[in-house]
Protein backbone atom coordinates (compact mmCIF):
# COMPACT_ATOMS: atom_id res chain seq x y z
CA UNK A 1 16.90 -14.48 -22.89
CA UNK A 2 13.19 -15.28 -22.57
CA UNK A 3 10.63 -13.74 -24.93
CA UNK A 4 9.38 -11.53 -22.10
CA UNK A 5 12.89 -10.36 -21.22
CA UNK A 6 13.57 -9.64 -24.87
CA UNK A 7 10.47 -7.47 -25.18
CA UNK A 8 11.37 -5.59 -22.00
CA UNK A 9 14.85 -5.00 -23.37
CA UNK A 10 13.39 -3.71 -26.65
CA UNK A 11 11.07 -1.34 -24.77
CA UNK A 12 13.83 -0.04 -22.52
CA UNK A 13 16.13 0.44 -25.51
CA UNK A 14 13.45 2.47 -27.28
CA UNK A 15 13.16 4.65 -24.17
CA UNK A 16 16.92 5.26 -24.31
CA UNK A 17 16.96 6.01 -28.03
CA UNK A 18 14.27 8.68 -27.80
CA UNK A 19 14.73 11.87 -25.81
CA UNK A 20 11.23 13.32 -25.55
CA UNK A 21 7.69 12.05 -25.19
CA UNK A 22 4.10 13.15 -24.61
CA UNK A 23 3.39 13.62 -20.93
CA UNK A 24 -0.29 13.20 -20.05
CA UNK A 25 -1.56 14.73 -16.81
CA UNK A 26 -5.03 15.17 -15.30
CA UNK A 27 -6.23 18.65 -16.25
CA UNK A 28 -6.75 20.95 -13.29
CA UNK A 29 -8.54 23.68 -15.24
CA UNK A 30 -10.76 21.42 -17.38
CA UNK A 31 -11.89 18.69 -15.02
CA UNK A 32 -12.11 15.15 -16.33
CA UNK A 33 -9.89 15.69 -19.35
CA UNK A 34 -6.29 14.52 -19.89
CA UNK A 35 -3.75 17.18 -20.84
CA UNK A 36 -0.83 16.27 -23.12
CA UNK A 37 2.46 18.12 -23.45
CA UNK A 38 5.79 17.28 -25.06
CA UNK A 39 8.67 17.00 -22.60
CA UNK A 40 12.30 15.89 -22.63
CA UNK A 41 13.10 13.07 -20.21
CA UNK A 42 15.83 10.90 -18.76
CA UNK A 43 15.18 7.27 -17.86
CA UNK A 44 17.00 6.06 -14.76
CA UNK A 45 18.70 2.68 -14.52
CA UNK A 46 15.69 1.43 -12.57
CA UNK A 47 13.35 2.51 -15.37
CA UNK A 48 11.83 5.55 -13.67
CA UNK A 49 11.59 8.88 -15.48
CA UNK A 50 13.17 12.25 -14.69
CA UNK A 51 11.74 15.48 -16.11
CA UNK A 52 12.55 19.13 -15.47
CA UNK A 53 9.60 21.51 -15.52
CA UNK A 54 8.56 25.02 -14.62
CA UNK A 55 6.05 25.62 -11.84
CA UNK A 56 4.06 27.86 -14.17
CA UNK A 57 3.67 25.12 -16.78
CA UNK A 58 0.19 23.62 -17.00
CA UNK A 59 1.46 20.07 -16.59
CA UNK A 60 3.35 21.02 -13.41
CA UNK A 61 0.18 22.42 -11.87
CA UNK A 62 -1.65 19.28 -12.89
CA UNK A 63 0.96 16.97 -11.38
CA UNK A 64 0.85 18.79 -8.07
CA UNK A 65 -2.92 18.32 -7.90
CA UNK A 66 -2.92 14.72 -9.14
CA UNK A 67 0.25 12.63 -9.30
CA UNK A 68 -1.14 10.05 -11.76
CA UNK A 69 0.59 10.60 -15.10
CA UNK A 70 1.65 8.75 -18.22
CA UNK A 71 4.49 9.27 -20.67
CA UNK A 72 4.15 8.04 -24.26
CA UNK A 73 7.30 7.60 -26.33
CA UNK A 74 7.42 6.33 -29.88
CA UNK A 75 9.82 5.72 -32.75
CA UNK A 76 9.04 8.51 -35.18
CA UNK A 77 11.43 7.23 -37.86
CA UNK A 78 8.85 4.88 -39.38
CA UNK A 79 6.54 6.20 -42.09
CA UNK A 80 3.55 4.32 -40.66
CA UNK A 81 3.01 5.53 -37.10
CA UNK A 82 0.62 2.65 -36.43
CA UNK A 83 3.41 0.18 -37.18
CA UNK A 84 6.09 1.96 -35.17
CA UNK A 85 7.22 0.80 -31.74
CA UNK A 86 5.98 2.78 -28.73
CA UNK A 87 6.03 2.68 -24.97
CA UNK A 88 3.55 4.15 -22.51
CA UNK A 89 4.66 4.44 -18.91
CA UNK A 90 2.09 4.85 -16.14
CA UNK A 91 3.64 6.56 -13.15
CA UNK A 92 3.29 8.66 -10.01
CA UNK A 93 4.95 12.09 -10.25
CA UNK A 94 6.94 13.35 -7.27
CA UNK A 95 8.49 16.81 -7.09
CA UNK A 96 11.98 17.41 -5.66
CA UNK A 97 12.80 13.69 -5.38
CA UNK A 98 15.68 13.61 -7.86
CA UNK A 99 19.22 13.15 -6.52
CA UNK A 100 22.05 15.48 -7.52
CA UNK A 101 23.69 12.64 -9.43
CA UNK A 102 20.56 12.13 -11.52
CA UNK A 103 20.25 15.87 -12.05
CA UNK A 104 23.77 15.91 -13.48
CA UNK A 105 22.92 12.98 -15.75
CA UNK A 106 19.91 14.93 -17.00
CA UNK A 107 21.99 18.04 -17.68
CA UNK A 108 24.57 15.91 -19.51
CA UNK A 109 21.88 14.90 -22.01
CA UNK A 110 20.17 18.30 -22.14
CA UNK A 111 22.98 20.80 -21.71
CA UNK A 112 20.71 23.72 -22.70
CA UNK A 113 18.58 23.01 -19.61
CA UNK A 114 21.39 24.23 -17.31
CA UNK A 115 20.38 27.76 -18.25
CA UNK A 116 16.95 27.09 -16.75
CA UNK A 117 18.53 26.83 -13.29
CA UNK A 118 18.56 30.64 -13.22
CA UNK A 119 14.77 30.54 -13.51
CA UNK A 120 13.88 29.70 -9.94
CA UNK A 121 10.51 28.20 -10.80
CA UNK A 122 12.05 25.12 -12.48
CA UNK A 123 12.22 21.88 -10.54
CA UNK A 124 12.86 18.19 -11.12
CA UNK A 125 10.15 15.55 -10.99
CA UNK A 126 10.64 11.83 -10.57
CA UNK A 127 7.97 9.76 -12.33
CA UNK A 128 7.94 6.47 -10.42
CA UNK A 129 6.99 3.77 -12.92
CA UNK A 130 4.02 1.59 -11.98
CA UNK A 131 3.14 -0.20 -15.22
CA UNK A 132 4.42 -0.21 -18.79
CA UNK A 133 2.62 -0.80 -22.08
CA UNK A 134 4.83 -1.79 -25.03
CA UNK A 135 3.74 -2.13 -28.65
CA UNK A 136 6.49 -3.43 -30.88
CA UNK A 137 4.34 -3.35 -34.03
CA UNK A 138 1.18 -4.99 -35.32
CA UNK A 139 0.21 -7.84 -32.99
CA UNK A 140 3.10 -7.19 -30.57
CA UNK A 141 1.32 -5.79 -27.51
CA UNK A 142 2.51 -6.34 -23.94
CA UNK A 143 1.92 -5.10 -20.40
CA UNK A 144 4.81 -5.12 -17.91
CA UNK A 145 4.45 -4.75 -14.16
CA UNK A 146 6.83 -2.63 -12.11
CA UNK A 147 8.77 -5.75 -11.07
CA UNK A 148 8.92 -6.95 -14.70
CA UNK A 149 10.31 -3.58 -15.75
CA UNK A 150 13.00 -3.50 -13.08
CA UNK A 151 14.09 -7.06 -12.32
CA UNK A 152 17.19 -8.70 -13.79
CA UNK A 153 18.40 -5.41 -15.31
CA UNK A 154 22.16 -4.98 -14.71
CA UNK A 155 22.89 -1.78 -12.81
CA UNK A 156 26.03 0.07 -13.87
CA UNK A 157 25.95 2.45 -10.89
CA UNK A 158 29.34 3.99 -10.12
CA UNK A 159 30.97 1.69 -12.68
CA UNK A 160 29.56 3.87 -15.45
CA UNK A 161 31.87 6.77 -14.54
CA UNK A 162 34.88 4.46 -14.78
CA UNK A 163 33.77 3.13 -18.16
CA UNK A 164 33.32 6.66 -19.51
CA UNK A 165 36.72 7.78 -18.22
CA UNK A 166 38.41 4.68 -19.65
CA UNK A 167 36.85 5.17 -23.08
CA UNK A 168 37.88 8.83 -23.17
CA UNK A 169 41.42 8.23 -21.92
CA UNK A 170 42.32 5.02 -23.76
CA UNK A 171 39.81 4.38 -26.53
CA UNK A 172 38.65 7.70 -27.90
CA UNK A 173 39.55 6.47 -31.38
CA UNK A 174 37.28 3.45 -30.97
CA UNK A 175 34.51 5.70 -29.68
CA UNK A 176 34.69 7.79 -32.85
CA UNK A 177 34.79 4.67 -35.03
CA UNK A 178 31.73 3.19 -33.32
CA UNK A 179 29.84 6.46 -33.69
CA UNK A 180 30.73 6.76 -37.37
CA UNK A 181 29.71 3.15 -38.01
CA UNK A 182 26.30 3.61 -36.37
CA UNK A 183 25.49 7.09 -37.70
CA UNK A 184 27.41 7.22 -41.00
CA UNK A 185 29.24 10.31 -39.69
CA UNK A 186 32.85 11.43 -40.00
CA UNK A 187 33.83 12.18 -36.40
CA UNK A 188 37.52 12.24 -35.58
CA UNK A 189 39.40 10.87 -32.61
CA UNK A 190 38.48 12.91 -29.52
CA UNK A 191 35.38 14.55 -31.00
CA UNK A 192 32.83 12.10 -29.57
CA UNK A 193 32.03 12.49 -25.87
CA UNK A 194 30.51 9.57 -23.99
CA UNK A 195 27.78 10.77 -21.60
CA UNK A 196 26.31 7.63 -20.02
CA UNK A 197 26.53 3.86 -19.87
CA UNK A 198 23.54 1.61 -19.19
CA UNK A 199 22.56 -2.02 -19.66
CA UNK A 200 21.12 -1.15 -23.06
CA UNK A 201 23.95 1.01 -24.43
CA UNK A 202 25.34 4.52 -24.03
CA UNK A 203 24.70 8.15 -24.95
CA UNK A 204 27.27 10.24 -26.80
CA UNK A 205 27.53 13.89 -27.72
CA UNK A 206 28.95 14.92 -31.07
CA UNK A 207 28.88 18.57 -32.11
CA UNK A 208 26.19 19.28 -29.48
CA UNK A 209 23.92 16.51 -30.76
CA UNK A 210 23.10 13.62 -28.41
CA UNK A 211 22.71 10.10 -29.78
CA UNK A 212 22.13 6.75 -28.08
CA UNK A 213 24.19 3.78 -29.28
CA UNK A 214 22.77 0.41 -28.32
CA UNK A 215 24.87 -2.62 -27.53
CA UNK A 216 24.76 -5.53 -29.96
CA UNK A 217 23.47 -7.70 -27.11
CA UNK A 218 22.06 -6.74 -23.69
CA UNK A 219 24.47 -6.86 -20.78
CA UNK A 220 24.28 -9.87 -18.47
CA UNK A 221 26.36 -12.33 -16.50
CA UNK A 222 28.06 -13.70 -19.60
CA UNK A 223 28.25 -10.41 -21.48
CA UNK A 224 29.77 -7.45 -19.68
CA UNK A 225 30.37 -3.90 -20.80
CA UNK A 226 33.96 -4.63 -21.87
CA UNK A 227 32.80 -7.34 -24.27
CA UNK A 228 30.01 -5.11 -25.49
CA UNK A 229 32.40 -2.27 -26.36
CA UNK A 230 34.85 -4.70 -27.99
CA UNK A 231 32.09 -6.12 -30.20
CA UNK A 232 30.96 -2.65 -31.27
CA UNK A 233 34.56 -1.71 -32.08
CA UNK A 234 35.11 -4.91 -34.09
CA UNK A 235 31.93 -4.29 -36.07
CA UNK A 236 33.01 -0.73 -36.85
CA UNK A 237 36.51 -1.75 -37.94
CA UNK A 238 35.24 -4.69 -39.98
CA UNK A 239 33.16 -2.28 -42.03
CA UNK A 240 36.23 -0.14 -42.66
CA UNK A 241 38.04 -3.18 -44.09
CA UNK A 242 35.26 -4.08 -46.50
CA UNK A 243 36.15 -3.33 -50.14
CA UNK A 244 34.42 -0.33 -51.66
């Protein structure tokens, strides 16, 4: 993997690990000023962004008037925010351009949002990524073009559903072990639900909390999802065998 590809992978993984960011839109009521608001999001396999917003929200009004937006996402776990990794995506916002399949993926991550369907003023927006700014830490600053962001990224597509079904039906014990290894939890066989599968890793739901588990290595021609899951399982079981 080239240095550039590695940085793109790190940025995309950060986008998977976080579940909300600061959406900046062009203010309609106060001309010339940006308007920031916190919003949950889903990143598609292509690296575009899906959000679900009410028509009465200020940022929705802004997006309808001017489609130029940005979404800033950062790793809030670090004590020094200046040293933490962050990604800023520059995009064009488009209303009602999200497929039913993507809507279901969004609701899988944000199950509480299903209740918003009853509020008829909510709609999906697709933020089509144009450029990406990634800061990995001090001195690690990169710009990625749209083609950089999207090229050579393995697409799981319909295969993801098969992977999820297989893990639930045949390897639910391994799923719990992997989750416990990564999160220091005590989930039991069958308690961890796999929600997605991407080139960077997969989302799970445990006791109504969503967590992203990254693969040890990015998927590619020589490293498929089966090998990735096997390696995660081996790492989890190796820890169990270590003497206390």
